[in-house]
Amino acid sequence: MLRQSNNMQLPLLGNMTMQEFKDALFNIMREEAAAAEFYSRLVTGAPNDTHRAFILDARDDELEHLQKFERLYVQYFGEKPQYTVTYVSFPDYKEGLLIALKDELQAASDYRDIQLSTKDPVVRDLFFFAMVDELTHANQFGVLYNTV
Protein backbone atom coordinates (compact mmCIF):
# COMPACT_ATOMS: atom_id res chain seq x y z
CA MET A 1 0.00 0.00 0.00
CA LEU A 2 1.35 3.43 -0.94
CA ARG A 3 1.43 6.10 1.69
CA GLN A 4 1.09 9.71 0.74
CA SER A 5 3.48 12.00 2.54
CA ASN A 6 2.46 15.53 3.43
CA ASN A 7 6.12 16.58 3.02
CA MET A 8 6.37 15.58 -0.65
CA GLN A 9 6.93 18.53 -2.93
CA LEU A 10 7.26 18.63 -6.66
CA PRO A 11 9.57 18.89 -8.42
CA LEU A 12 11.55 16.45 -6.31
CA LEU A 13 14.93 18.16 -6.81
CA GLY A 14 13.57 21.70 -6.62
CA ASN A 15 12.49 23.95 -9.42
CA MET A 16 15.13 24.98 -11.98
CA THR A 17 15.12 28.60 -12.98
CA MET A 18 14.56 29.32 -16.66
CA GLN A 19 18.19 30.46 -16.98
CA GLU A 20 19.44 27.23 -15.39
CA PHE A 21 17.21 25.26 -17.74
CA LYS A 22 18.40 27.26 -20.76
CA ASP A 23 22.07 26.70 -19.84
CA ALA A 24 21.52 22.98 -19.16
CA LEU A 25 19.60 22.48 -22.39
CA PHE A 26 22.28 24.31 -24.38
CA ASN A 27 25.04 22.12 -22.89
CA ILE A 28 22.98 18.99 -23.51
CA MET A 29 22.58 19.87 -27.19
CA ARG A 30 26.34 20.31 -27.48
CA GLU A 31 26.89 16.93 -25.82
CA GLU A 32 24.33 15.17 -28.03
CA ALA A 33 25.95 16.64 -31.15
CA ALA A 34 29.41 15.61 -29.89
CA ALA A 35 28.19 12.07 -29.17
CA ALA A 36 26.67 11.70 -32.64
CA GLU A 37 29.88 12.90 -34.27
CA PHE A 38 31.98 10.66 -31.99
CA TYR A 39 29.89 7.58 -32.79
CA SER A 40 30.21 8.31 -36.51
CA ARG A 41 33.97 7.92 -36.09
CA LEU A 42 33.85 5.10 -33.53
CA VAL A 43 31.84 2.89 -35.88
CA THR A 44 34.75 2.78 -38.35
CA GLY A 45 36.67 0.64 -35.86
CA ALA A 46 33.84 -1.79 -35.23
CA PRO A 47 34.98 -5.40 -35.73
CA ASN A 48 31.65 -6.76 -37.00
CA ASP A 49 28.09 -5.99 -38.04
CA THR A 50 26.69 -6.35 -34.52
CA HIS A 51 29.04 -3.69 -33.20
CA ARG A 52 28.31 -1.44 -36.16
CA ALA A 53 24.54 -1.82 -35.73
CA PHE A 54 24.63 -0.94 -32.01
CA ILE A 55 26.84 2.10 -32.57
CA LEU A 56 24.82 3.39 -35.51
CA ASP A 57 21.60 2.90 -33.54
CA ALA A 58 23.06 4.97 -30.69
CA ARG A 59 24.24 7.64 -33.15
CA ASP A 60 20.80 7.85 -34.74
CA ASP A 61 19.15 8.17 -31.32
CA GLU A 62 21.57 10.97 -30.38
CA LEU A 63 20.63 12.83 -33.56
CA GLU A 64 16.94 12.36 -32.75
CA HIS A 65 17.48 13.67 -29.21
CA LEU A 66 19.40 16.63 -30.60
CA GLN A 67 16.56 17.49 -32.96
CA LYS A 68 13.96 17.28 -30.16
CA PHE A 69 16.10 19.32 -27.77
CA GLU A 70 16.68 21.98 -30.44
CA ARG A 71 12.92 22.23 -31.05
CA LEU A 72 12.33 22.56 -27.31
CA TYR A 73 15.00 25.27 -27.10
CA VAL A 74 13.39 27.25 -29.92
CA GLN A 75 9.93 26.80 -28.40
CA TYR A 76 11.03 28.04 -24.97
CA PHE A 77 13.60 30.67 -25.86
CA GLY A 78 12.56 31.85 -29.32
CA GLU A 79 15.97 31.45 -30.90
CA LYS A 80 17.89 28.74 -32.70
CA PRO A 81 20.83 27.56 -30.60
CA GLN A 82 24.29 28.21 -32.02
CA TYR A 83 26.96 25.87 -30.73
CA THR A 84 30.11 24.14 -31.87
CA VAL A 85 30.58 20.39 -31.77
CA THR A 86 33.23 19.20 -29.34
CA TYR A 87 35.62 16.62 -30.75
CA VAL A 88 35.92 13.51 -28.58
CA SER A 89 39.28 11.81 -29.02
CA PHE A 90 39.94 8.17 -28.24
CA PRO A 91 43.15 6.16 -28.61
CA ASP A 92 41.56 2.94 -29.85
CA TYR A 93 38.22 1.25 -30.41
CA LYS A 94 37.96 -0.42 -26.98
CA GLU A 95 38.80 2.80 -25.16
CA GLY A 96 36.25 4.59 -27.33
CA LEU A 97 33.59 2.13 -26.16
CA LEU A 98 34.49 2.85 -22.55
CA ILE A 99 34.31 6.60 -23.13
CA ALA A 100 30.91 6.14 -24.80
CA LEU A 101 29.67 4.02 -21.90
CA LYS A 102 30.70 6.62 -19.31
CA ASP A 103 29.25 9.49 -21.35
CA GLU A 104 25.92 7.68 -21.75
CA LEU A 105 25.68 7.01 -18.01
CA GLN A 106 26.45 10.66 -17.25
CA ALA A 107 23.83 11.82 -19.76
CA ALA A 108 21.22 9.53 -18.20
CA SER A 109 22.01 10.97 -14.77
CA ASP A 110 21.82 14.56 -16.07
CA TYR A 111 18.50 13.88 -17.81
CA ARG A 112 17.08 12.31 -14.66
CA ASP A 113 18.01 15.40 -12.67
CA ILE A 114 16.35 17.73 -15.16
CA GLN A 115 13.27 15.54 -15.28
CA LEU A 116 13.03 15.73 -11.48
CA SER A 117 13.55 19.52 -11.50
CA THR A 118 10.49 20.60 -13.49
CA LYS A 119 6.72 20.47 -13.36
CA ASP A 120 6.43 20.91 -17.13
CA PRO A 121 5.07 17.63 -18.56
CA VAL A 122 6.64 18.20 -22.00
CA VAL A 123 10.09 18.67 -20.50
CA ARG A 124 9.63 15.73 -18.12
CA ASP A 125 8.48 13.42 -20.91
CA LEU A 126 11.20 14.45 -23.34
CA PHE A 127 13.94 13.98 -20.76
CA PHE A 128 12.47 10.67 -19.62
CA PHE A 129 12.41 9.45 -23.24
CA ALA A 130 16.06 10.51 -23.73
CA MET A 131 17.13 9.10 -20.34
CA VAL A 132 15.78 5.66 -21.22
CA ASP A 133 17.61 5.74 -24.55
CA GLU A 134 20.86 6.75 -22.83
CA LEU A 135 20.56 3.87 -20.38
CA THR A 136 19.94 1.50 -23.29
CA HIS A 137 23.03 2.85 -25.06
CA ALA A 138 25.10 2.45 -21.90
CA ASN A 139 24.02 -1.17 -21.67
CA GLN A 140 24.86 -1.76 -25.33
CA PHE A 141 28.28 -0.11 -25.06
CA GLY A 142 28.98 -2.21 -21.96
CA VAL A 143 28.16 -5.38 -23.89
CA LEU A 144 30.33 -4.30 -26.82
CA TYR A 145 33.21 -3.39 -24.50
CA ASN A 146 33.10 -6.82 -22.89
CA THR A 147 33.21 -8.59 -26.27
CA VAL A 148 36.36 -6.86 -27.53
C-alpha atoms as a PDB file:
ATOM      1  CA  MET A   1       0.000   0.000   0.000  1.00  0.00           C
ATOM      2  CA  LEU A   2       1.347   3.427  -0.942  1.00  0.00           C
ATOM      3  CA  ARG A   3       1.426   6.101   1.694  1.00  0.00           C
ATOM      4  CA  GLN A   4       1.094   9.707   0.742  1.00  0.00           C
ATOM      5  CA  SER A   5       3.480  12.004   2.536  1.00  0.00           C
ATOM      6  CA  ASN A   6       2.461  15.534   3.431  1.00  0.00           C
ATOM      7  CA  ASN A   7       6.121  16.582   3.024  1.00  0.00           C
ATOM      8  CA  MET A   8       6.375  15.576  -0.653  1.00  0.00           C
ATOM      9  CA  GLN A   9       6.934  18.534  -2.925  1.00  0.00           C
ATOM     10  CA  LEU A  10       7.262  18.634  -6.663  1.00  0.00           C
ATOM     11  CA  PRO A  11       9.572  18.885  -8.422  1.00  0.00           C
ATOM     12  CA  LEU A  12      11.554  16.445  -6.307  1.00  0.00           C
ATOM     13  CA  LEU A  13      14.933  18.159  -6.813  1.00  0.00           C
ATOM     14  CA  GLY A  14      13.569  21.696  -6.620  1.00  0.00           C
ATOM     15  CA  ASN A  15      12.492  23.953  -9.424  1.00  0.00           C
ATOM     16  CA  MET A  16      15.134  24.976 -11.976  1.00  0.00           C
ATOM     17  CA  THR A  17      15.120  28.605 -12.985  1.00  0.00           C
ATOM     18  CA  MET A  18      14.562  29.320 -16.665  1.00  0.00           C
ATOM     19  CA  GLN A  19      18.190  30.461 -16.982  1.00  0.00           C
ATOM     20  CA  GLU A  20      19.439  27.232 -15.389  1.00  0.00           C
ATOM     21  CA  PHE A  21      17.214  25.255 -17.740  1.00  0.00           C
ATOM     22  CA  LYS A  22      18.402  27.256 -20.761  1.00  0.00           C
ATOM     23  CA  ASP A  23      22.065  26.696 -19.839  1.00  0.00           C
ATOM     24  CA  ALA A  24      21.525  22.983 -19.156  1.00  0.00           C
ATOM     25  CA  LEU A  25      19.604  22.477 -22.389  1.00  0.00           C
ATOM     26  CA  PHE A  26      22.282  24.306 -24.380  1.00  0.00           C
ATOM     27  CA  ASN A  27      25.036  22.115 -22.894  1.00  0.00           C
ATOM     28  CA  ILE A  28      22.975  18.989 -23.511  1.00  0.00           C
ATOM     29  CA  MET A  29      22.580  19.875 -27.189  1.00  0.00           C
ATOM     30  CA  ARG A  30      26.345  20.306 -27.482  1.00  0.00           C
ATOM     31  CA  GLU A  31      26.891  16.930 -25.819  1.00  0.00           C
ATOM     32  CA  GLU A  32      24.331  15.172 -28.031  1.00  0.00           C
ATOM     33  CA  ALA A  33      25.954  16.643 -31.152  1.00  0.00           C
ATOM     34  CA  ALA A  34      29.408  15.608 -29.887  1.00  0.00           C
ATOM     35  CA  ALA A  35      28.186  12.072 -29.167  1.00  0.00           C
ATOM     36  CA  ALA A  36      26.667  11.698 -32.640  1.00  0.00           C
ATOM     37  CA  GLU A  37      29.881  12.896 -34.273  1.00  0.00           C
ATOM     38  CA  PHE A  38      31.983  10.663 -31.991  1.00  0.00           C
ATOM     39  CA  TYR A  39      29.894   7.576 -32.787  1.00  0.00           C
ATOM     40  CA  SER A  40      30.209   8.309 -36.511  1.00  0.00           C
ATOM     41  CA  ARG A  41      33.973   7.917 -36.088  1.00  0.00           C
ATOM     42  CA  LEU A  42      33.850   5.105 -33.533  1.00  0.00           C
ATOM     43  CA  VAL A  43      31.840   2.888 -35.884  1.00  0.00           C
ATOM     44  CA  THR A  44      34.755   2.780 -38.352  1.00  0.00           C
ATOM     45  CA  GLY A  45      36.673   0.636 -35.856  1.00  0.00           C
ATOM     46  CA  ALA A  46      33.844  -1.793 -35.226  1.00  0.00           C
ATOM     47  CA  PRO A  47      34.977  -5.401 -35.727  1.00  0.00           C
ATOM     48  CA  ASN A  48      31.648  -6.755 -36.997  1.00  0.00           C
ATOM     49  CA  ASP A  49      28.089  -5.991 -38.042  1.00  0.00           C
ATOM     50  CA  THR A  50      26.689  -6.352 -34.525  1.00  0.00           C
ATOM     51  CA  HIS A  51      29.039  -3.687 -33.203  1.00  0.00           C
ATOM     52  CA  ARG A  52      28.308  -1.444 -36.164  1.00  0.00           C
ATOM     53  CA  ALA A  53      24.538  -1.825 -35.728  1.00  0.00           C
ATOM     54  CA  PHE A  54      24.634  -0.942 -32.011  1.00  0.00           C
ATOM     55  CA  ILE A  55      26.841   2.098 -32.566  1.00  0.00           C
ATOM     56  CA  LEU A  56      24.817   3.385 -35.513  1.00  0.00           C
ATOM     57  CA  ASP A  57      21.603   2.902 -33.537  1.00  0.00           C
ATOM     58  CA  ALA A  58      23.056   4.970 -30.690  1.00  0.00           C
ATOM     59  CA  ARG A  59      24.237   7.640 -33.149  1.00  0.00           C
ATOM     60  CA  ASP A  60      20.798   7.854 -34.738  1.00  0.00           C
ATOM     61  CA  ASP A  61      19.153   8.173 -31.318  1.00  0.00           C
ATOM     62  CA  GLU A  62      21.567  10.969 -30.385  1.00  0.00           C
ATOM     63  CA  LEU A  63      20.627  12.830 -33.559  1.00  0.00           C
ATOM     64  CA  GLU A  64      16.940  12.359 -32.753  1.00  0.00           C
ATOM     65  CA  HIS A  65      17.479  13.665 -29.215  1.00  0.00           C
ATOM     66  CA  LEU A  66      19.396  16.626 -30.599  1.00  0.00           C
ATOM     67  CA  GLN A  67      16.558  17.487 -32.960  1.00  0.00           C
ATOM     68  CA  LYS A  68      13.964  17.275 -30.160  1.00  0.00           C
ATOM     69  CA  PHE A  69      16.099  19.322 -27.768  1.00  0.00           C
ATOM     70  CA  GLU A  70      16.679  21.980 -30.440  1.00  0.00           C
ATOM     71  CA  ARG A  71      12.919  22.226 -31.046  1.00  0.00           C
ATOM     72  CA  LEU A  72      12.332  22.563 -27.312  1.00  0.00           C
ATOM     73  CA  TYR A  73      14.999  25.266 -27.097  1.00  0.00           C
ATOM     74  CA  VAL A  74      13.391  27.250 -29.921  1.00  0.00           C
ATOM     75  CA  GLN A  75       9.932  26.801 -28.399  1.00  0.00           C
ATOM     76  CA  TYR A  76      11.026  28.043 -24.973  1.00  0.00           C
ATOM     77  CA  PHE A  77      13.595  30.665 -25.857  1.00  0.00           C
ATOM     78  CA  GLY A  78      12.564  31.847 -29.320  1.00  0.00           C
ATOM     79  CA  GLU A  79      15.972  31.447 -30.899  1.00  0.00           C
ATOM     80  CA  LYS A  80      17.888  28.736 -32.696  1.00  0.00           C
ATOM     81  CA  PRO A  81      20.826  27.560 -30.600  1.00  0.00           C
ATOM     82  CA  GLN A  82      24.287  28.209 -32.024  1.00  0.00           C
ATOM     83  CA  TYR A  83      26.965  25.871 -30.727  1.00  0.00           C
ATOM     84  CA  THR A  84      30.114  24.142 -31.871  1.00  0.00           C
ATOM     85  CA  VAL A  85      30.579  20.391 -31.765  1.00  0.00           C
ATOM     86  CA  THR A  86      33.231  19.195 -29.340  1.00  0.00           C
ATOM     87  CA  TYR A  87      35.621  16.621 -30.752  1.00  0.00           C
ATOM     88  CA  VAL A  88      35.925  13.508 -28.575  1.00  0.00           C
ATOM     89  CA  SER A  89      39.279  11.807 -29.025  1.00  0.00           C
ATOM     90  CA  PHE A  90      39.943   8.170 -28.243  1.00  0.00           C
ATOM     91  CA  PRO A  91      43.155   6.160 -28.613  1.00  0.00           C
ATOM     92  CA  ASP A  92      41.560   2.938 -29.852  1.00  0.00           C
ATOM     93  CA  TYR A  93      38.217   1.247 -30.410  1.00  0.00           C
ATOM     94  CA  LYS A  94      37.962  -0.418 -26.982  1.00  0.00           C
ATOM     95  CA  GLU A  95      38.803   2.801 -25.157  1.00  0.00           C
ATOM     96  CA  GLY A  96      36.247   4.588 -27.332  1.00  0.00           C
ATOM     97  CA  LEU A  97      33.588   2.129 -26.165  1.00  0.00           C
ATOM     98  CA  LEU A  98      34.494   2.846 -22.550  1.00  0.00           C
ATOM     99  CA  ILE A  99      34.312   6.600 -23.134  1.00  0.00           C
ATOM    100  CA  ALA A 100      30.914   6.139 -24.798  1.00  0.00           C
ATOM    101  CA  LEU A 101      29.669   4.023 -21.900  1.00  0.00           C
ATOM    102  CA  LYS A 102      30.703   6.616 -19.311  1.00  0.00           C
ATOM    103  CA  ASP A 103      29.247   9.488 -21.349  1.00  0.00           C
ATOM    104  CA  GLU A 104      25.918   7.675 -21.746  1.00  0.00           C
ATOM    105  CA  LEU A 105      25.678   7.007 -18.011  1.00  0.00           C
ATOM    106  CA  GLN A 106      26.455  10.657 -17.253  1.00  0.00           C
ATOM    107  CA  ALA A 107      23.828  11.824 -19.759  1.00  0.00           C
ATOM    108  CA  ALA A 108      21.216   9.530 -18.199  1.00  0.00           C
ATOM    109  CA  SER A 109      22.009  10.974 -14.774  1.00  0.00           C
ATOM    110  CA  ASP A 110      21.817  14.561 -16.073  1.00  0.00           C
ATOM    111  CA  TYR A 111      18.496  13.882 -17.810  1.00  0.00           C
ATOM    112  CA  ARG A 112      17.076  12.311 -14.657  1.00  0.00           C
ATOM    113  CA  ASP A 113      18.014  15.399 -12.672  1.00  0.00           C
ATOM    114  CA  ILE A 114      16.348  17.735 -15.165  1.00  0.00           C
ATOM    115  CA  GLN A 115      13.269  15.539 -15.277  1.00  0.00           C
ATOM    116  CA  LEU A 116      13.034  15.734 -11.481  1.00  0.00           C
ATOM    117  CA  SER A 117      13.549  19.518 -11.502  1.00  0.00           C
ATOM    118  CA  THR A 118      10.490  20.597 -13.489  1.00  0.00           C
ATOM    119  CA  LYS A 119       6.718  20.472 -13.362  1.00  0.00           C
ATOM    120  CA  ASP A 120       6.435  20.911 -17.135  1.00  0.00           C
ATOM    121  CA  PRO A 121       5.074  17.631 -18.556  1.00  0.00           C
ATOM    122  CA  VAL A 122       6.639  18.198 -21.999  1.00  0.00           C
ATOM    123  CA  VAL A 123      10.091  18.671 -20.499  1.00  0.00           C
ATOM    124  CA  ARG A 124       9.633  15.728 -18.118  1.00  0.00           C
ATOM    125  CA  ASP A 125       8.475  13.417 -20.910  1.00  0.00           C
ATOM    126  CA  LEU A 126      11.201  14.448 -23.338  1.00  0.00           C
ATOM    127  CA  PHE A 127      13.938  13.982 -20.765  1.00  0.00           C
ATOM    128  CA  PHE A 128      12.466  10.672 -19.618  1.00  0.00           C
ATOM    129  CA  PHE A 129      12.415   9.452 -23.238  1.00  0.00           C
ATOM    130  CA  ALA A 130      16.056  10.510 -23.734  1.00  0.00           C
ATOM    131  CA  MET A 131      17.133   9.104 -20.344  1.00  0.00           C
ATOM    132  CA  VAL A 132      15.776   5.656 -21.220  1.00  0.00           C
ATOM    133  CA  ASP A 133      17.615   5.742 -24.554  1.00  0.00           C
ATOM    134  CA  GLU A 134      20.863   6.755 -22.834  1.00  0.00           C
ATOM    135  CA  LEU A 135      20.556   3.866 -20.377  1.00  0.00           C
ATOM    136  CA  THR A 136      19.939   1.497 -23.294  1.00  0.00           C
ATOM    137  CA  HIS A 137      23.030   2.850 -25.061  1.00  0.00           C
ATOM    138  CA  ALA A 138      25.105   2.445 -21.897  1.00  0.00           C
ATOM    139  CA  ASN A 139      24.017  -1.170 -21.671  1.00  0.00           C
ATOM    140  CA  GLN A 140      24.858  -1.759 -25.333  1.00  0.00           C
ATOM    141  CA  PHE A 141      28.278  -0.113 -25.057  1.00  0.00           C
ATOM    142  CA  GLY A 142      28.979  -2.208 -21.963  1.00  0.00           C
ATOM    143  CA  VAL A 143      28.164  -5.383 -23.890  1.00  0.00           C
ATOM    144  CA  LEU A 144      30.328  -4.297 -26.817  1.00  0.00           C
ATOM    145  CA  TYR A 145      33.205  -3.388 -24.497  1.00  0.00           C
ATOM    146  CA  ASN A 146      33.101  -6.821 -22.885  1.00  0.00           C
ATOM    147  CA  THR A 147      33.210  -8.588 -26.266  1.00  0.00           C
ATOM    148  CA  VAL A 148      36.364  -6.860 -27.533  1.00  0.00           C
END
